[in-house]
Amino acid sequence: MMDWYIAMGAQLHEVDDATLINNMPSDLVWNPINSNPNVRVVVDGNSTFILHPVKQENNWYVGYAIEQVVNIGQGNAVYRYHPNNNSPTIWNNDDSTIIADLRNTSKFNKKAW
C-alpha cells in the first residue's frame, strides 16, 4: 500500500481516476464491476448514487460512490466520493445512513467529475 501512496506523490485524493487505477496494487481487493456484493443504486431526490463495495478485514463497506444530480432544464452534474481514510460505512447500512455518510465531509471526499 505504501508503494501505491508514494506512486501517487502522497496525494491520493488529488490525482485523476486513470492514474489512481493504473497505479493500484494488484493485491488490493477492489473491482469496479464486483459482483459479490453487487453494485448498489440509491436514489435521493434529484441524485442517483452508484455505490461500489470494498472488502476491509473480511467485511464489506462502501468503497466509493458516483453521484449524478439531474435538474431538469438546469443541467446535470456528476461527482465522485471516496473515503478520507478506510471506509467507515458498512455496506448493509440503510440507504439514508449511507447518503448521510457520503455527505459527511469528515468521512468522504466529494470531487466533481
C-alpha atoms as a PDB file:
ATOM      1  CA  MET A   1       0.000   0.000   0.000  1.00  0.00           C
ATOM      2  CA  MET A   2       2.828   2.402   0.789  1.00  0.00           C
ATOM      3  CA  ASP A   3       4.211   1.940  -2.761  1.00  0.00           C
ATOM      4  CA  TRP A   4       0.843   2.999  -4.148  1.00  0.00           C
ATOM      5  CA  TYR A   5       0.752   6.031  -1.878  1.00  0.00           C
ATOM      6  CA  ILE A   6       4.277   7.043  -2.946  1.00  0.00           C
ATOM      7  CA  ALA A   7       3.442   6.480  -6.655  1.00  0.00           C
ATOM      8  CA  MET A   8       0.597   8.984  -6.237  1.00  0.00           C
ATOM      9  CA  GLY A   9       3.029  11.546  -4.841  1.00  0.00           C
ATOM     10  CA  ALA A  10       1.343  11.129  -1.439  1.00  0.00           C
ATOM     11  CA  GLN A  11      -1.748  12.800  -2.938  1.00  0.00           C
ATOM     12  CA  LEU A  12      -4.334  10.019  -3.348  1.00  0.00           C
ATOM     13  CA  HIS A  13      -7.231  12.488  -3.263  1.00  0.00           C
ATOM     14  CA  GLU A  14      -5.775  14.832  -5.889  1.00  0.00           C
ATOM     15  CA  VAL A  15      -4.856  12.544  -8.811  1.00  0.00           C
ATOM     16  CA  ASP A  16      -7.116  11.739 -11.749  1.00  0.00           C
ATOM     17  CA  ASP A  17      -9.002   8.435 -11.883  1.00  0.00           C
ATOM     18  CA  ALA A  18      -6.828   6.873 -14.603  1.00  0.00           C
ATOM     19  CA  THR A  19      -3.614   7.483 -12.652  1.00  0.00           C
ATOM     20  CA  LEU A  20      -5.179   6.166  -9.478  1.00  0.00           C
ATOM     21  CA  ILE A  21      -6.440   2.965 -11.108  1.00  0.00           C
ATOM     22  CA  ASN A  22      -3.312   2.360 -13.214  1.00  0.00           C
ATOM     23  CA  ASN A  23      -1.122   2.506 -10.106  1.00  0.00           C
ATOM     24  CA  MET A  24      -3.441   0.454  -7.887  1.00  0.00           C
ATOM     25  CA  PRO A  25      -1.682  -2.567  -6.336  1.00  0.00           C
ATOM     26  CA  SER A  26      -2.784  -5.898  -7.791  1.00  0.00           C
ATOM     27  CA  ASP A  27      -3.384  -7.405  -4.350  1.00  0.00           C
ATOM     28  CA  LEU A  28      -5.929  -4.769  -3.313  1.00  0.00           C
ATOM     29  CA  VAL A  29      -9.440  -6.251  -3.026  1.00  0.00           C
ATOM     30  CA  TRP A  30     -11.289  -3.844  -5.302  1.00  0.00           C
ATOM     31  CA  ASN A  31     -13.136  -4.273  -8.549  1.00  0.00           C
ATOM     32  CA  PRO A  32     -15.378  -1.691 -10.236  1.00  0.00           C
ATOM     33  CA  ILE A  33     -17.557  -4.489 -11.644  1.00  0.00           C
ATOM     34  CA  ASN A  34     -17.521  -6.581  -8.489  1.00  0.00           C
ATOM     35  CA  SER A  35     -20.457  -8.987  -8.312  1.00  0.00           C
ATOM     36  CA  ASN A  36     -20.135 -10.033  -4.682  1.00  0.00           C
ATOM     37  CA  PRO A  37     -21.855  -7.925  -3.462  1.00  0.00           C
ATOM     38  CA  ASN A  38     -23.378  -6.258  -6.496  1.00  0.00           C
ATOM     39  CA  VAL A  39     -23.051  -2.562  -7.206  1.00  0.00           C
ATOM     40  CA  ARG A  40     -25.878  -0.764  -5.417  1.00  0.00           C
ATOM     41  CA  VAL A  41     -28.049   2.121  -6.653  1.00  0.00           C
ATOM     42  CA  VAL A  42     -29.643   4.608  -4.241  1.00  0.00           C
ATOM     43  CA  VAL A  43     -31.920   7.492  -5.264  1.00  0.00           C
ATOM     44  CA  ASP A  44     -32.200  10.586  -3.066  1.00  0.00           C
ATOM     45  CA  GLY A  45     -34.214  13.472  -4.502  1.00  0.00           C
ATOM     46  CA  ASN A  46     -32.551  14.635  -7.747  1.00  0.00           C
ATOM     47  CA  SER A  47     -29.481  12.477  -7.060  1.00  0.00           C
ATOM     48  CA  THR A  48     -28.760   8.917  -8.108  1.00  0.00           C
ATOM     49  CA  PHE A  49     -25.832   7.283  -6.331  1.00  0.00           C
ATOM     50  CA  ILE A  50     -23.997   4.242  -7.678  1.00  0.00           C
ATOM     51  CA  LEU A  51     -22.183   2.578  -4.784  1.00  0.00           C
ATOM     52  CA  HIS A  52     -19.188   0.273  -5.231  1.00  0.00           C
ATOM     53  CA  PRO A  53     -18.184  -2.177  -2.486  1.00  0.00           C
ATOM     54  CA  VAL A  54     -14.765  -2.739  -0.949  1.00  0.00           C
ATOM     55  CA  LYS A  55     -13.717  -5.529   1.398  1.00  0.00           C
ATOM     56  CA  GLN A  56     -11.867  -4.466   4.530  1.00  0.00           C
ATOM     57  CA  GLU A  57     -10.818  -7.120   7.057  1.00  0.00           C
ATOM     58  CA  ASN A  58     -13.491  -9.619   5.859  1.00  0.00           C
ATOM     59  CA  ASN A  59     -16.309  -7.059   5.957  1.00  0.00           C
ATOM     60  CA  TRP A  60     -17.935  -5.173   3.081  1.00  0.00           C
ATOM     61  CA  TYR A  61     -18.008  -1.369   3.099  1.00  0.00           C
ATOM     62  CA  VAL A  62     -18.858   1.418   0.650  1.00  0.00           C
ATOM     63  CA  GLY A  63     -15.595   1.746  -1.281  1.00  0.00           C
ATOM     64  CA  TYR A  64     -16.504   4.684  -3.478  1.00  0.00           C
ATOM     65  CA  ALA A  65     -19.627   6.225  -4.979  1.00  0.00           C
ATOM     66  CA  ILE A  66     -20.648   8.160  -8.053  1.00  0.00           C
ATOM     67  CA  GLU A  67     -23.484  10.682  -7.817  1.00  0.00           C
ATOM     68  CA  GLN A  68     -25.377  12.082 -10.765  1.00  0.00           C
ATOM     69  CA  VAL A  69     -27.519  15.098  -9.996  1.00  0.00           C
ATOM     70  CA  VAL A  70     -30.242  15.759 -12.562  1.00  0.00           C
ATOM     71  CA  ASN A  71     -32.008  19.115 -12.536  1.00  0.00           C
ATOM     72  CA  ILE A  72     -34.393  19.076 -15.482  1.00  0.00           C
ATOM     73  CA  GLY A  73     -33.900  22.230 -17.528  1.00  0.00           C
ATOM     74  CA  GLN A  74     -30.988  23.370 -15.358  1.00  0.00           C
ATOM     75  CA  GLY A  75     -28.255  20.888 -16.234  1.00  0.00           C
ATOM     76  CA  ASN A  76     -26.621  17.855 -14.675  1.00  0.00           C
ATOM     77  CA  ALA A  77     -23.561  17.253 -12.519  1.00  0.00           C
ATOM     78  CA  VAL A  78     -21.503  14.161 -11.700  1.00  0.00           C
ATOM     79  CA  TYR A  79     -19.479  13.709  -8.517  1.00  0.00           C
ATOM     80  CA  ARG A  80     -17.127  11.042  -7.171  1.00  0.00           C
ATOM     81  CA  TYR A  81     -16.985  10.217  -3.456  1.00  0.00           C
ATOM     82  CA  HIS A  82     -14.135   8.335  -1.820  1.00  0.00           C
ATOM     83  CA  PRO A  83     -13.413   7.814   1.869  1.00  0.00           C
ATOM     84  CA  ASN A  84     -10.937  10.105   3.589  1.00  0.00           C
ATOM     85  CA  ASN A  85      -9.313   7.026   5.174  1.00  0.00           C
ATOM     86  CA  ASN A  86     -10.569   3.450   5.316  1.00  0.00           C
ATOM     87  CA  SER A  87     -14.260   3.437   4.570  1.00  0.00           C
ATOM     88  CA  PRO A  88     -16.351   3.921   7.715  1.00  0.00           C
ATOM     89  CA  THR A  89     -19.633   2.985   6.017  1.00  0.00           C
ATOM     90  CA  ILE A  90     -20.848  -0.589   6.304  1.00  0.00           C
ATOM     91  CA  TRP A  91     -22.282  -1.893   3.030  1.00  0.00           C
ATOM     92  CA  ASN A  92     -25.503  -3.232   4.579  1.00  0.00           C
ATOM     93  CA  ASN A  93     -26.485   0.086   6.190  1.00  0.00           C
ATOM     94  CA  ASP A  94     -29.833   1.508   5.142  1.00  0.00           C
ATOM     95  CA  ASP A  95     -29.910   3.996   2.250  1.00  0.00           C
ATOM     96  CA  SER A  96     -30.390   7.100   4.403  1.00  0.00           C
ATOM     97  CA  THR A  97     -27.370   6.244   6.600  1.00  0.00           C
ATOM     98  CA  ILE A  98     -25.181   5.708   3.547  1.00  0.00           C
ATOM     99  CA  ILE A  99     -26.291   9.008   1.967  1.00  0.00           C
ATOM    100  CA  ALA A 100     -25.663  10.855   5.249  1.00  0.00           C
ATOM    101  CA  ASP A 101     -22.173   9.319   5.475  1.00  0.00           C
ATOM    102  CA  LEU A 102     -21.349  10.233   1.866  1.00  0.00           C
ATOM    103  CA  ARG A 103     -22.349  13.848   2.515  1.00  0.00           C
ATOM    104  CA  ASN A 104     -20.323  13.966   5.750  1.00  0.00           C
ATOM    105  CA  THR A 105     -17.046  15.631   4.743  1.00  0.00           C
ATOM    106  CA  SER A 106     -15.209  14.095   7.705  1.00  0.00           C
ATOM    107  CA  LYS A 107     -15.927  10.649   6.217  1.00  0.00           C
ATOM    108  CA  PHE A 108     -15.951  11.121   2.423  1.00  0.00           C
ATOM    109  CA  ASN A 109     -14.308  13.481  -0.050  1.00  0.00           C
ATOM    110  CA  LYS A 110     -16.554  14.772  -2.863  1.00  0.00           C
ATOM    111  CA  LYS A 111     -14.946  15.740  -6.156  1.00  0.00           C
ATOM    112  CA  ALA A 112     -16.578  16.956  -9.380  1.00  0.00           C
ATOM    113  CA  TRP A 113     -16.039  14.534 -12.208  1.00  0.00           C
END
